[in-house]
Amino acid sequence: MQIETVEMEPQPMLQVTRKSGMAPVEISDVMGEAFAALGAFFARAGVTPVGPPLAVYRDWDGATMKIDVGFPVTASDAARADGEVKAARTPSGPALTAVYRGPYEGLRAAYGELEDHLKAAGLSMPPLSWEVYLNDPFTTRPEELMTRICMPVA
C-alpha cells in the first residue's frame, strides 16, 4: 500500500450522521442504513452525487464513534438538505492517504500501516479519518474493492 501526503480540496456534500460501536459488523449495519437513508432522500429530492461515497469517522472513545456518511454534490444540491440529511463539506487540507485494495474486513490492518507511518514521522493519531469508496461493493468482488483512507496531518 503506497502512502502519500496530498492536499484535499473541500467539496459540498450531503450527509447523515450515525453513532456506531467499533465492531466491523456494527459499522457495516450502520453504514448500510445510512446509505439507504441518503438514497431515499436523493431519489425524493432529485439529487445526483458528483463523486464517490465517503464516511468520516470521528469522536471515537474506544467503544463508540460518530460516522458522517455522505456524497459530494453540487452547491445547489447541498442547498436541498432537509431533515436528517445535512449540508456539509468534505474534509480538506493536508492529509495522509493510501488506497487499500481488498475486502472491508482488512481495513483495520491498513489503518495500522497508516498509524505506523504517522508514528515514524513523529505525528500523533488525528481526531478523525475518512474513507472514500472507489467502487461498488454490490458489483465488485471483495478482493477488488478499493478504499481510499485519509487522515489529516498538520
C-alpha atoms as a PDB file:
ATOM      1  CA  MET A   1       0.000   0.000   0.000  1.00  0.00           C
ATOM      2  CA  GLN A   2       1.522   3.307  -1.076  1.00  0.00           C
ATOM      3  CA  ILE A   3       1.153   6.144   1.436  1.00  0.00           C
ATOM      4  CA  GLU A   4       1.394   9.780   0.342  1.00  0.00           C
ATOM      5  CA  THR A   5       0.583  13.253   1.608  1.00  0.00           C
ATOM      6  CA  VAL A   6      -1.798  15.267  -0.551  1.00  0.00           C
ATOM      7  CA  GLU A   7      -3.800  18.488  -0.296  1.00  0.00           C
ATOM      8  CA  MET A   8      -7.509  17.663  -0.116  1.00  0.00           C
ATOM      9  CA  GLU A   9      -9.869  20.251  -1.607  1.00  0.00           C
ATOM     10  CA  PRO A  10     -13.233  20.777   0.125  1.00  0.00           C
ATOM     11  CA  GLN A  11     -16.408  19.945  -1.762  1.00  0.00           C
ATOM     12  CA  PRO A  12     -20.046  20.456  -0.819  1.00  0.00           C
ATOM     13  CA  MET A  13     -21.633  17.233   0.386  1.00  0.00           C
ATOM     14  CA  LEU A  14     -24.861  15.879   1.793  1.00  0.00           C
ATOM     15  CA  GLN A  15     -24.555  13.568   4.773  1.00  0.00           C
ATOM     16  CA  VAL A  16     -26.328  11.781   7.581  1.00  0.00           C
ATOM     17  CA  THR A  17     -24.660  11.181  10.934  1.00  0.00           C
ATOM     18  CA  ARG A  18     -24.880   7.933  12.855  1.00  0.00           C
ATOM     19  CA  LYS A  19     -23.369   6.575  16.051  1.00  0.00           C
ATOM     20  CA  SER A  20     -21.767   3.141  15.915  1.00  0.00           C
ATOM     21  CA  GLY A  21     -19.837   0.726  18.034  1.00  0.00           C
ATOM     22  CA  MET A  22     -16.376  -0.251  16.880  1.00  0.00           C
ATOM     23  CA  ALA A  23     -17.164  -3.822  15.753  1.00  0.00           C
ATOM     24  CA  PRO A  24     -16.936  -4.240  11.946  1.00  0.00           C
ATOM     25  CA  VAL A  25     -20.379  -5.861  11.735  1.00  0.00           C
ATOM     26  CA  GLU A  26     -21.982  -2.935  13.590  1.00  0.00           C
ATOM     27  CA  ILE A  27     -20.174  -0.405  11.387  1.00  0.00           C
ATOM     28  CA  SER A  28     -21.390  -2.287   8.301  1.00  0.00           C
ATOM     29  CA  ASP A  29     -25.002  -2.269   9.529  1.00  0.00           C
ATOM     30  CA  VAL A  30     -24.877   1.442  10.397  1.00  0.00           C
ATOM     31  CA  MET A  31     -23.324   2.291   7.031  1.00  0.00           C
ATOM     32  CA  GLY A  32     -25.923   0.264   5.130  1.00  0.00           C
ATOM     33  CA  GLU A  33     -28.773   2.040   6.901  1.00  0.00           C
ATOM     34  CA  ALA A  34     -27.161   5.467   6.375  1.00  0.00           C
ATOM     35  CA  PHE A  35     -26.631   4.877   2.645  1.00  0.00           C
ATOM     36  CA  ALA A  36     -30.246   3.685   2.341  1.00  0.00           C
ATOM     37  CA  ALA A  37     -31.468   6.897   4.018  1.00  0.00           C
ATOM     38  CA  LEU A  38     -29.341   9.007   1.659  1.00  0.00           C
ATOM     39  CA  GLY A  39     -30.526   7.041  -1.384  1.00  0.00           C
ATOM     40  CA  ALA A  40     -34.173   7.605  -0.451  1.00  0.00           C
ATOM     41  CA  PHE A  41     -33.546  11.332   0.078  1.00  0.00           C
ATOM     42  CA  PHE A  42     -31.636  11.680  -3.204  1.00  0.00           C
ATOM     43  CA  ALA A  43     -34.467   9.971  -5.110  1.00  0.00           C
ATOM     44  CA  ARG A  44     -37.087  12.197  -3.465  1.00  0.00           C
ATOM     45  CA  ALA A  45     -35.102  15.428  -3.917  1.00  0.00           C
ATOM     46  CA  GLY A  46     -33.673  14.678  -7.368  1.00  0.00           C
ATOM     47  CA  VAL A  47     -30.079  14.931  -6.120  1.00  0.00           C
ATOM     48  CA  THR A  48     -27.224  13.377  -8.108  1.00  0.00           C
ATOM     49  CA  PRO A  49     -23.838  12.777  -6.430  1.00  0.00           C
ATOM     50  CA  VAL A  50     -20.795  14.225  -8.207  1.00  0.00           C
ATOM     51  CA  GLY A  51     -18.287  11.830  -6.661  1.00  0.00           C
ATOM     52  CA  PRO A  52     -17.922   8.560  -4.798  1.00  0.00           C
ATOM     53  CA  PRO A  53     -19.433   7.983  -1.357  1.00  0.00           C
ATOM     54  CA  LEU A  54     -17.432   8.635   1.766  1.00  0.00           C
ATOM     55  CA  ALA A  55     -17.582   8.145   5.509  1.00  0.00           C
ATOM     56  CA  VAL A  56     -15.944  10.412   8.078  1.00  0.00           C
ATOM     57  CA  TYR A  57     -15.142   8.687  11.371  1.00  0.00           C
ATOM     58  CA  ARG A  58     -14.873  10.986  14.398  1.00  0.00           C
ATOM     59  CA  ASP A  59     -15.434  11.387  18.112  1.00  0.00           C
ATOM     60  CA  TRP A  60     -14.289   7.879  18.945  1.00  0.00           C
ATOM     61  CA  ASP A  61     -13.916   6.944  22.586  1.00  0.00           C
ATOM     62  CA  GLY A  62     -12.758   3.337  22.271  1.00  0.00           C
ATOM     63  CA  ALA A  63     -16.297   1.953  22.414  1.00  0.00           C
ATOM     64  CA  THR A  64     -18.292   4.167  20.014  1.00  0.00           C
ATOM     65  CA  MET A  65     -17.794   6.758  17.307  1.00  0.00           C
ATOM     66  CA  LYS A  66     -19.804   9.061  15.067  1.00  0.00           C
ATOM     67  CA  ILE A  67     -19.851   8.414  11.341  1.00  0.00           C
ATOM     68  CA  ASP A  68     -20.815  11.079   8.801  1.00  0.00           C
ATOM     69  CA  VAL A  69     -21.890   9.137   5.716  1.00  0.00           C
ATOM     70  CA  GLY A  70     -22.335  11.127   2.533  1.00  0.00           C
ATOM     71  CA  PHE A  71     -21.686  12.024  -1.067  1.00  0.00           C
ATOM     72  CA  PRO A  72     -20.105  15.051  -2.710  1.00  0.00           C
ATOM     73  CA  VAL A  73     -22.779  17.090  -4.505  1.00  0.00           C
ATOM     74  CA  THR A  74     -23.086  20.421  -6.288  1.00  0.00           C
ATOM     75  CA  ALA A  75     -23.591  23.526  -4.155  1.00  0.00           C
ATOM     76  CA  SER A  76     -27.174  23.814  -5.430  1.00  0.00           C
ATOM     77  CA  ASP A  77     -27.915  20.220  -4.400  1.00  0.00           C
ATOM     78  CA  ALA A  78     -26.297  20.810  -0.988  1.00  0.00           C
ATOM     79  CA  ALA A  79     -28.835  23.623  -0.511  1.00  0.00           C
ATOM     80  CA  ARG A  80     -31.604  20.983  -0.694  1.00  0.00           C
ATOM     81  CA  ALA A  81     -30.570  19.478   2.653  1.00  0.00           C
ATOM     82  CA  ASP A  82     -33.587  18.649   4.769  1.00  0.00           C
ATOM     83  CA  GLY A  83     -34.327  16.806   7.994  1.00  0.00           C
ATOM     84  CA  GLU A  84     -31.569  14.425   8.993  1.00  0.00           C
ATOM     85  CA  VAL A  85     -29.768  14.977   5.664  1.00  0.00           C
ATOM     86  CA  LYS A  86     -27.390  17.854   6.345  1.00  0.00           C
ATOM     87  CA  ALA A  87     -25.223  20.008   4.105  1.00  0.00           C
ATOM     88  CA  ALA A  88     -21.522  19.841   4.918  1.00  0.00           C
ATOM     89  CA  ARG A  89     -18.131  19.944   3.224  1.00  0.00           C
ATOM     90  CA  THR A  90     -15.739  17.101   2.637  1.00  0.00           C
ATOM     91  CA  PRO A  91     -12.633  17.197   4.846  1.00  0.00           C
ATOM     92  CA  SER A  92      -9.866  19.355   3.414  1.00  0.00           C
ATOM     93  CA  GLY A  93      -6.255  20.319   3.923  1.00  0.00           C
ATOM     94  CA  PRO A  94      -3.096  18.214   4.036  1.00  0.00           C
ATOM     95  CA  ALA A  95      -3.859  14.542   4.504  1.00  0.00           C
ATOM     96  CA  LEU A  96      -2.039  11.247   4.609  1.00  0.00           C
ATOM     97  CA  THR A  97      -3.737   8.934   2.102  1.00  0.00           C
ATOM     98  CA  ALA A  98      -3.461   5.396   0.845  1.00  0.00           C
ATOM     99  CA  VAL A  99      -5.625   3.217  -1.362  1.00  0.00           C
ATOM    100  CA  TYR A 100      -6.381  -0.134   0.230  1.00  0.00           C
ATOM    101  CA  ARG A 101      -7.390  -2.932  -2.131  1.00  0.00           C
ATOM    102  CA  GLY A 102      -9.342  -5.827  -0.669  1.00  0.00           C
ATOM    103  CA  PRO A 103     -12.349  -6.704   1.473  1.00  0.00           C
ATOM    104  CA  TYR A 104     -13.530  -4.204   4.044  1.00  0.00           C
ATOM    105  CA  GLU A 105     -12.559  -6.652   6.816  1.00  0.00           C
ATOM    106  CA  GLY A 106      -8.910  -5.856   6.030  1.00  0.00           C
ATOM    107  CA  LEU A 107      -9.232  -2.119   6.585  1.00  0.00           C
ATOM    108  CA  ARG A 108      -8.062  -2.303  10.204  1.00  0.00           C
ATOM    109  CA  ALA A 109      -4.666  -3.634   9.096  1.00  0.00           C
ATOM    110  CA  ALA A 110      -4.442  -0.833   6.515  1.00  0.00           C
ATOM    111  CA  TYR A 111      -5.145   1.717   9.252  1.00  0.00           C
ATOM    112  CA  GLY A 112      -2.358   0.105  11.256  1.00  0.00           C
ATOM    113  CA  GLU A 113       0.085   0.818   8.419  1.00  0.00           C
ATOM    114  CA  LEU A 114      -1.011   4.460   8.306  1.00  0.00           C
ATOM    115  CA  GLU A 115      -0.688   4.777  12.089  1.00  0.00           C
ATOM    116  CA  ASP A 116       2.836   3.288  11.924  1.00  0.00           C
ATOM    117  CA  HIS A 117       3.692   5.859   9.253  1.00  0.00           C
ATOM    118  CA  LEU A 118       2.383   8.670  11.478  1.00  0.00           C
ATOM    119  CA  LYS A 119       4.411   7.425  14.458  1.00  0.00           C
ATOM    120  CA  ALA A 120       7.589   7.146  12.365  1.00  0.00           C
ATOM    121  CA  ALA A 121       7.083  10.773  11.288  1.00  0.00           C
ATOM    122  CA  GLY A 122       6.599  11.853  14.908  1.00  0.00           C
ATOM    123  CA  LEU A 123       2.909  12.638  14.407  1.00  0.00           C
ATOM    124  CA  SER A 124       0.011  11.566  16.620  1.00  0.00           C
ATOM    125  CA  MET A 125      -3.253   9.956  15.555  1.00  0.00           C
ATOM    126  CA  PRO A 126      -5.585  12.673  14.226  1.00  0.00           C
ATOM    127  CA  PRO A 127      -9.070  13.258  15.711  1.00  0.00           C
ATOM    128  CA  LEU A 128     -10.808  11.929  12.599  1.00  0.00           C
ATOM    129  CA  SER A 129     -10.253   9.867   9.495  1.00  0.00           C
ATOM    130  CA  TRP A 130     -12.297   9.248   6.388  1.00  0.00           C
ATOM    131  CA  GLU A 131     -12.743   6.691   3.689  1.00  0.00           C
ATOM    132  CA  VAL A 132     -13.726   7.200   0.071  1.00  0.00           C
ATOM    133  CA  TYR A 133     -15.260   4.121  -1.555  1.00  0.00           C
ATOM    134  CA  LEU A 134     -13.882   3.983  -5.092  1.00  0.00           C
ATOM    135  CA  ASN A 135     -16.010   1.116  -6.396  1.00  0.00           C
ATOM    136  CA  ASP A 136     -19.350  -0.503  -5.644  1.00  0.00           C
ATOM    137  CA  PRO A 137     -19.412  -3.402  -3.157  1.00  0.00           C
ATOM    138  CA  PHE A 138     -22.555  -4.751  -4.858  1.00  0.00           C
ATOM    139  CA  THR A 139     -20.839  -5.175  -8.243  1.00  0.00           C
ATOM    140  CA  THR A 140     -17.176  -5.627  -7.252  1.00  0.00           C
ATOM    141  CA  ARG A 141     -15.595  -8.792  -5.879  1.00  0.00           C
ATOM    142  CA  PRO A 142     -14.374  -8.257  -2.277  1.00  0.00           C
ATOM    143  CA  GLU A 143     -10.703  -8.743  -3.196  1.00  0.00           C
ATOM    144  CA  GLU A 144     -11.026  -5.969  -5.824  1.00  0.00           C
ATOM    145  CA  LEU A 145     -12.712  -3.346  -3.631  1.00  0.00           C
ATOM    146  CA  MET A 146     -10.733  -0.110  -3.457  1.00  0.00           C
ATOM    147  CA  THR A 147     -10.987   2.223  -0.446  1.00  0.00           C
ATOM    148  CA  ARG A 148      -9.036   5.439  -0.142  1.00  0.00           C
ATOM    149  CA  ILE A 149      -8.178   6.003   3.522  1.00  0.00           C
ATOM    150  CA  CYS A 150      -7.396   9.579   4.572  1.00  0.00           C
ATOM    151  CA  MET A 151      -6.066  11.132   7.789  1.00  0.00           C
ATOM    152  CA  PRO A 152      -5.448  14.844   8.272  1.00  0.00           C
ATOM    153  CA  VAL A 153      -1.896  15.909   9.091  1.00  0.00           C
ATOM    154  CA  ALA A 154      -0.659  19.252  10.339  1.00  0.00           C
END
